[in-house]
Protein backbone atom coordinates (compact mmCIF):
# COMPACT_ATOMS: atom_id res chain seq x y z
CA SER A 1 3.42 0.83 1.22
CA ARG A 2 5.49 1.69 4.24
CA SER A 3 8.82 -0.07 4.25
CA SER A 4 9.48 -2.31 7.22
CA PHE A 5 12.57 -0.26 8.04
CA THR A 6 10.61 2.87 8.90
CA LEU A 7 8.75 0.86 11.52
CA ILE A 8 11.78 -0.49 13.37
CA SER A 9 11.69 2.34 15.90
CA ASP A 10 8.11 1.33 16.78
CA MET A 11 8.91 -2.36 17.09
CA SER A 12 9.82 -2.44 20.76
CA LEU A 13 8.03 -5.12 22.74
CA THR A 14 7.30 -5.32 26.44
CA GLN A 15 7.05 -8.82 27.86
CA VAL A 16 3.93 -9.12 30.01
CA SER A 17 4.28 -12.76 31.03
CA SER A 18 6.33 -15.88 30.35
CA ASN A 19 5.54 -19.45 31.41
CA LYS A 20 7.49 -22.58 30.65
CA CYS A 21 5.08 -24.85 28.77
CA ALA A 22 5.41 -28.10 26.77
CA GLY A 23 9.20 -27.72 26.83
CA GLY A 24 8.99 -24.23 25.33
CA PHE A 25 7.55 -20.92 26.53
CA GLN A 26 4.12 -19.38 26.41
CA LYS A 27 4.63 -15.62 26.46
CA VAL A 28 2.51 -12.49 26.19
CA PHE A 29 3.86 -9.18 24.88
CA GLU A 30 2.56 -5.64 24.59
CA HIS A 31 3.48 -3.08 21.95
CA ASP A 32 2.35 0.24 20.50
CA SER A 33 0.51 -0.54 17.27
CA THR A 34 0.99 1.86 14.37
CA GLU A 35 -2.11 0.51 12.54
CA LEU A 36 -4.44 0.56 15.55
CA LYS A 37 -2.98 3.62 17.32
CA CYS A 38 -3.16 1.97 20.74
CA LYS A 39 -1.32 -0.49 22.97
CA MET A 40 -1.94 -4.08 21.90
CA LYS A 41 -1.18 -7.43 23.50
CA PHE A 42 -0.46 -10.66 21.67
CA ALA A 43 0.48 -14.14 22.83
CA VAL A 44 3.34 -16.14 21.35
CA PHE A 45 4.20 -19.78 21.98
CA LEU A 46 7.85 -20.59 21.32
CA PRO A 47 8.41 -24.33 20.88
CA PRO A 48 11.68 -25.91 22.11
CA LYS A 49 12.90 -25.94 18.51
CA ALA A 50 12.90 -22.12 18.47
CA GLU A 51 15.94 -22.12 20.77
CA THR A 52 18.11 -23.44 17.93
CA ASP A 53 16.24 -23.05 14.63
CA LYS A 54 14.01 -20.72 12.69
CA CYS A 55 10.41 -21.96 12.94
CA PRO A 56 7.26 -21.44 10.90
CA VAL A 57 4.43 -19.40 12.43
CA MET A 58 0.75 -20.21 12.74
CA TYR A 59 -1.42 -17.17 13.44
CA TRP A 60 -4.52 -17.86 15.53
CA LEU A 61 -7.42 -15.40 15.26
CA SER A 62 -9.93 -15.53 18.10
CA GLY A 63 -13.67 -14.92 18.13
CA LEU A 64 -16.07 -12.34 19.52
CA THR A 65 -15.36 -11.07 23.08
CA CYS A 66 -11.99 -12.86 23.24
CA THR A 67 -8.58 -11.41 24.11
CA GLU A 68 -5.17 -13.00 23.53
CA GLN A 69 -5.81 -15.10 26.65
CA ASN A 70 -8.66 -17.41 25.62
CA PHE A 71 -6.71 -19.49 23.14
CA ILE A 72 -3.56 -19.90 25.22
CA THR A 73 -5.42 -20.95 28.37
CA LYS A 74 -8.21 -23.09 26.90
CA ALA A 75 -7.24 -24.60 23.53
CA GLY A 76 -4.41 -26.90 24.63
CA SER A 77 -2.38 -26.13 21.51
CA GLN A 78 1.08 -26.05 23.07
CA LEU A 79 1.93 -29.77 23.10
CA ALA A 80 1.19 -30.23 19.40
CA ALA A 81 2.93 -26.96 18.51
CA ALA A 82 6.00 -28.13 20.44
CA GLU A 83 5.93 -31.51 18.70
CA HIS A 84 5.77 -29.96 15.21
CA GLY A 85 8.12 -27.04 15.94
CA ILE A 86 5.56 -24.33 15.20
CA ILE A 87 5.43 -20.87 16.76
CA ILE A 88 1.83 -19.84 17.47
CA VAL A 89 0.93 -16.15 17.59
CA ALA A 90 -2.47 -15.16 18.98
CA PRO A 91 -3.33 -11.45 18.75
CA ASP A 92 -6.19 -9.66 20.48
CA THR A 93 -9.49 -9.28 18.59
CA SER A 94 -9.82 -5.49 18.42
CA PRO A 95 -8.15 -2.24 19.41
CA ARG A 96 -8.45 -1.48 23.14
CA GLY A 97 -9.14 1.67 25.08
CA CYS A 98 -9.53 4.02 22.14
CA ASN A 99 -12.33 5.94 23.88
CA ILE A 100 -14.58 5.76 20.83
CA GLU A 101 -18.18 6.53 21.70
CA GLY A 102 -20.17 3.29 21.60
CA GLU A 103 -17.18 0.93 21.52
CA ASP A 104 -18.35 -0.94 24.65
CA GLU A 105 -22.09 -0.89 24.05
CA SER A 106 -22.49 -4.37 22.57
CA TRP A 107 -20.60 -7.65 22.68
CA ASP A 108 -20.71 -8.23 18.92
CA PHE A 109 -19.49 -4.81 17.74
CA GLY A 110 -16.65 -2.53 18.87
CA THR A 111 -14.31 -3.76 21.63
CA GLY A 112 -13.58 -7.49 21.22
CA ALA A 113 -15.27 -7.51 17.82
CA GLY A 114 -12.90 -6.03 15.25
CA PHE A 115 -14.02 -8.56 12.59
CA TYR A 116 -10.57 -8.44 10.93
CA VAL A 117 -11.57 -5.62 8.56
CA ASP A 118 -10.08 -2.18 7.94
CA ALA A 119 -12.91 0.18 8.86
CA THR A 120 -13.73 3.00 6.44
CA GLU A 121 -16.43 4.73 8.50
CA ASP A 122 -16.18 7.30 11.29
CA PRO A 123 -15.54 6.98 14.19
CA TRP A 124 -13.97 3.54 13.62
CA LYS A 125 -11.62 4.08 10.68
CA THR A 126 -8.69 5.53 12.65
CA ASN A 127 -8.25 2.56 15.00
CA TYR A 128 -10.26 -0.39 13.67
CA ARG A 129 -7.72 -1.68 11.15
CA MET A 130 -7.46 -5.29 12.29
CA TYR A 131 -7.06 -6.65 8.76
CA SER A 132 -3.88 -4.63 8.14
CA TYR A 133 -2.75 -5.34 11.69
CA VAL A 134 -2.88 -9.14 11.40
CA THR A 135 -1.69 -9.39 7.77
CA GLU A 136 1.02 -6.71 7.72
CA GLU A 137 2.05 -5.07 10.99
CA LEU A 138 1.98 -8.12 13.25
CA PRO A 139 3.95 -10.48 10.94
CA LYS A 140 6.64 -7.77 10.49
CA LEU A 141 6.83 -7.35 14.25
CA ILE A 142 7.01 -11.13 14.85
CA ASN A 143 9.64 -11.68 12.15
CA ALA A 144 11.77 -8.82 13.52
CA ASN A 145 11.72 -10.13 17.10
CA PHE A 146 11.47 -13.94 17.01
CA PRO A 147 13.30 -16.83 15.29
CA THR A 148 10.80 -17.22 12.46
CA ASP A 149 11.02 -18.33 8.86
CA PRO A 150 9.09 -15.44 7.22
CA ASP A 151 8.27 -17.58 4.17
CA ARG A 152 6.38 -20.15 6.24
CA MET A 153 3.25 -18.80 7.85
CA SER A 154 -0.31 -20.05 8.15
CA VAL A 155 -3.56 -18.87 9.68
CA CYS A 156 -6.30 -20.46 11.75
CA GLY A 157 -9.19 -19.17 13.84
CA HIS A 158 -12.54 -19.60 15.55
CA SER A 159 -15.92 -18.07 14.70
CA MET A 160 -15.25 -14.36 13.90
CA GLY A 161 -11.58 -15.41 13.82
CA GLY A 162 -12.40 -18.30 11.48
CA HIS A 163 -13.86 -15.67 9.17
CA GLY A 164 -10.62 -13.70 9.67
CA ALA A 165 -8.43 -16.70 8.84
CA LEU A 166 -10.38 -17.54 5.68
CA ILE A 167 -10.32 -13.99 4.31
CA CYS A 168 -6.59 -13.56 5.11
CA ALA A 169 -5.79 -16.69 3.09
CA LEU A 170 -8.21 -15.98 0.22
CA LYS A 171 -7.20 -12.30 -0.15
CA ASN A 172 -3.46 -13.03 -0.15
CA PRO A 173 -2.82 -15.96 -2.50
CA GLY A 174 0.40 -17.76 -1.57
CA LYS A 175 1.08 -15.72 1.58
CA TYR A 176 -0.28 -18.38 3.94
CA LYS A 177 0.81 -21.99 3.42
CA ALA A 178 -2.30 -23.36 5.13
CA VAL A 179 -5.64 -22.26 6.54
CA SER A 180 -8.15 -23.88 8.84
CA ALA A 181 -11.06 -22.80 10.98
CA PHE A 182 -13.37 -23.81 13.79
CA ALA A 183 -17.03 -22.81 13.32
CA PRO A 184 -16.16 -19.87 11.06
CA ILE A 185 -18.56 -17.10 10.06
CA CYS A 186 -18.43 -18.16 6.41
CA ASN A 187 -20.75 -15.65 4.73
CA PRO A 188 -20.91 -12.52 6.91
CA MET A 189 -22.86 -10.50 4.32
CA GLN A 190 -25.79 -12.88 4.86
CA CYS A 191 -25.83 -13.21 8.67
CA PRO A 192 -26.86 -10.83 11.49
CA TRP A 193 -23.37 -10.62 13.08
CA GLY A 194 -21.72 -9.75 9.79
CA GLN A 195 -24.39 -7.32 8.67
CA LYS A 196 -24.17 -5.41 11.96
CA ALA A 197 -20.35 -5.27 11.91
CA PHE A 198 -19.98 -4.48 8.21
CA SER A 199 -22.66 -1.75 8.33
CA GLY A 200 -20.85 -0.10 11.24
CA TYR A 201 -17.26 -0.47 10.03
CA LEU A 202 -17.72 -0.32 6.24
CA GLY A 203 -20.94 1.64 5.72
CA SER A 204 -24.18 0.95 3.88
CA ASP A 205 -22.76 0.21 0.40
CA ARG A 206 -22.84 -3.58 0.43
CA SER A 207 -20.46 -3.85 -2.54
CA THR A 208 -17.66 -2.74 -0.19
CA TRP A 209 -18.44 -5.69 2.08
CA GLU A 210 -17.58 -8.31 -0.54
CA VAL A 211 -13.82 -8.00 -0.08
CA TYR A 212 -14.23 -9.32 3.48
CA ASP A 213 -16.64 -12.20 2.82
CA ALA A 214 -15.03 -15.64 2.48
CA THR A 215 -17.88 -17.03 0.37
CA VAL A 216 -17.61 -14.16 -2.12
CA LEU A 217 -13.79 -14.30 -2.13
CA ALA A 218 -13.77 -18.05 -2.75
CA GLY A 219 -15.79 -17.46 -5.90
CA SER A 220 -13.00 -15.42 -7.48
CA TYR A 221 -9.95 -17.10 -5.89
CA SER A 222 -7.30 -18.07 -8.44
CA GLY A 223 -4.09 -18.49 -6.44
CA PRO A 224 -1.99 -21.51 -5.46
CA GLN A 225 -3.98 -24.48 -4.22
CA LEU A 226 -5.39 -23.88 -0.76
CA ASP A 227 -6.52 -26.90 1.25
CA ILE A 228 -9.11 -25.66 3.73
CA LEU A 229 -9.94 -27.62 6.88
CA ILE A 230 -13.12 -26.64 8.74
CA ASP A 231 -14.49 -28.24 11.90
CA GLN A 232 -18.04 -27.37 12.92
CA GLY A 233 -19.94 -28.57 15.98
CA ARG A 234 -23.35 -29.95 15.02
CA ASP A 235 -24.87 -28.71 18.30
CA ASP A 236 -23.49 -25.19 17.88
CA GLN A 237 -26.28 -22.74 18.72
CA PHE A 238 -24.89 -20.22 16.22
CA LEU A 239 -25.03 -22.77 13.41
CA SER A 240 -28.75 -23.26 13.99
CA ALA A 241 -29.19 -19.47 14.29
CA SER A 242 -27.79 -19.07 10.74
CA GLN A 243 -24.80 -16.99 11.85
CA LEU A 244 -22.14 -19.32 10.37
CA LEU A 245 -23.58 -20.52 7.02
CA PRO A 246 -20.84 -23.04 6.10
CA ASP A 247 -22.97 -24.58 3.32
CA ASN A 248 -22.74 -21.35 1.30
CA LEU A 249 -18.93 -21.42 1.41
CA ILE A 250 -18.70 -25.14 0.65
CA ALA A 251 -20.93 -24.75 -2.41
CA VAL A 252 -18.77 -21.94 -3.83
CA CYS A 253 -15.52 -23.80 -3.07
CA SER A 254 -16.73 -26.89 -4.86
CA GLU A 255 -17.74 -24.79 -7.89
CA ASN A 256 -14.31 -23.15 -7.94
CA LYS A 257 -12.43 -26.42 -7.24
CA ILE A 258 -11.02 -25.24 -3.89
CA PRO A 259 -10.48 -28.35 -1.73
CA VAL A 260 -12.37 -28.19 1.57
CA VAL A 261 -12.48 -30.82 4.26
CA PHE A 262 -15.60 -29.97 6.24
CA ARG A 263 -16.21 -32.03 9.36
CA LEU A 264 -19.55 -31.73 11.15
CA GLN A 265 -18.81 -32.99 14.66
CA PRO A 266 -21.86 -34.50 16.41
CA GLY A 267 -22.60 -33.24 19.92
CA TYR A 268 -20.06 -30.39 19.93
CA ASP A 269 -20.98 -26.76 20.56
CA HIS A 270 -19.30 -23.41 19.83
CA SER A 271 -17.04 -23.37 22.89
CA TYR A 272 -13.34 -23.88 23.57
CA PHE A 273 -14.18 -27.45 24.70
CA PHE A 274 -14.84 -28.07 20.99
CA ILE A 275 -11.59 -26.36 19.91
CA TYR A 276 -9.61 -28.30 22.54
CA SER A 277 -11.02 -31.55 21.15
CA PHE A 278 -9.74 -31.04 17.59
CA ILE A 279 -6.85 -28.54 17.80
CA ASN A 280 -4.27 -31.30 17.32
CA ASP A 281 -5.78 -32.19 13.94
CA HIS A 282 -5.56 -28.56 12.88
CA ILE A 283 -1.95 -28.16 13.96
CA LYS A 284 -1.10 -31.37 12.11
CA HIS A 285 -2.85 -29.98 9.01
CA HIS A 286 -0.77 -26.79 9.26
CA ALA A 287 2.46 -28.71 9.95
CA LYS A 288 2.00 -30.72 6.74
CA TYR A 289 2.29 -27.50 4.71
CA LEU A 290 4.54 -25.44 7.01
CA ASN A 291 7.14 -28.18 7.35
CA ALA A 292 6.90 -29.44 3.77
């Protein structure tokens, strides 16, 4: 493993934007990523508390087609984050501008669709390393540049990013103090989105897919207790299209005694209107563990 010290020279950040918000600041930065071999943007909300104290960090992982912008402009997370003294970091969803043939051909693979895996197949494996980016490189970068408490981090996400949040927590027992998700892709090996992405990034040997499937990972999880909160809109078109498959994950979690609060919310769809409606509950869930 590369020591964090060798990366310091690559840790320079360029501020892209800064807006006063909820008493703190909503900022966007750009940096040269060593994992993804391209320039990457991420958003960071600094609550008022960050001016005087070290704060815990909640990582937000967005869904298909999103950039770092969707969450910070549509979710309405800043007031609750300010109230609970939590820094929120929202990275982009894939490498950008790598000039890989086919990267912009479809909305659910390539650009905007990194699926939070480390690709092993050509031509993706050089740049498409979103798993290592969000679990290793980005936290090191954040902890080196912002007033964080490195021992208090959590992860949350939506759809493809809900899948990302769940696998980050399940693959790294104890690293994340809390995890939650909105309409996550719970069993990617069994749904069209996941099968397309995993075939492309990881190849045809399905046994290599298991390490990135939350339902499979939950079956063998044996770390510290993880309380999972999942909100799912009942009128989500992707739920009815069998892309999300939450029942498969819930069944495995109950077998393996992993506590899950699963809330099926009547009338809600897959959009940011749904996330906006329940984001405060999720931040409160994270605060309970981050500020314990």
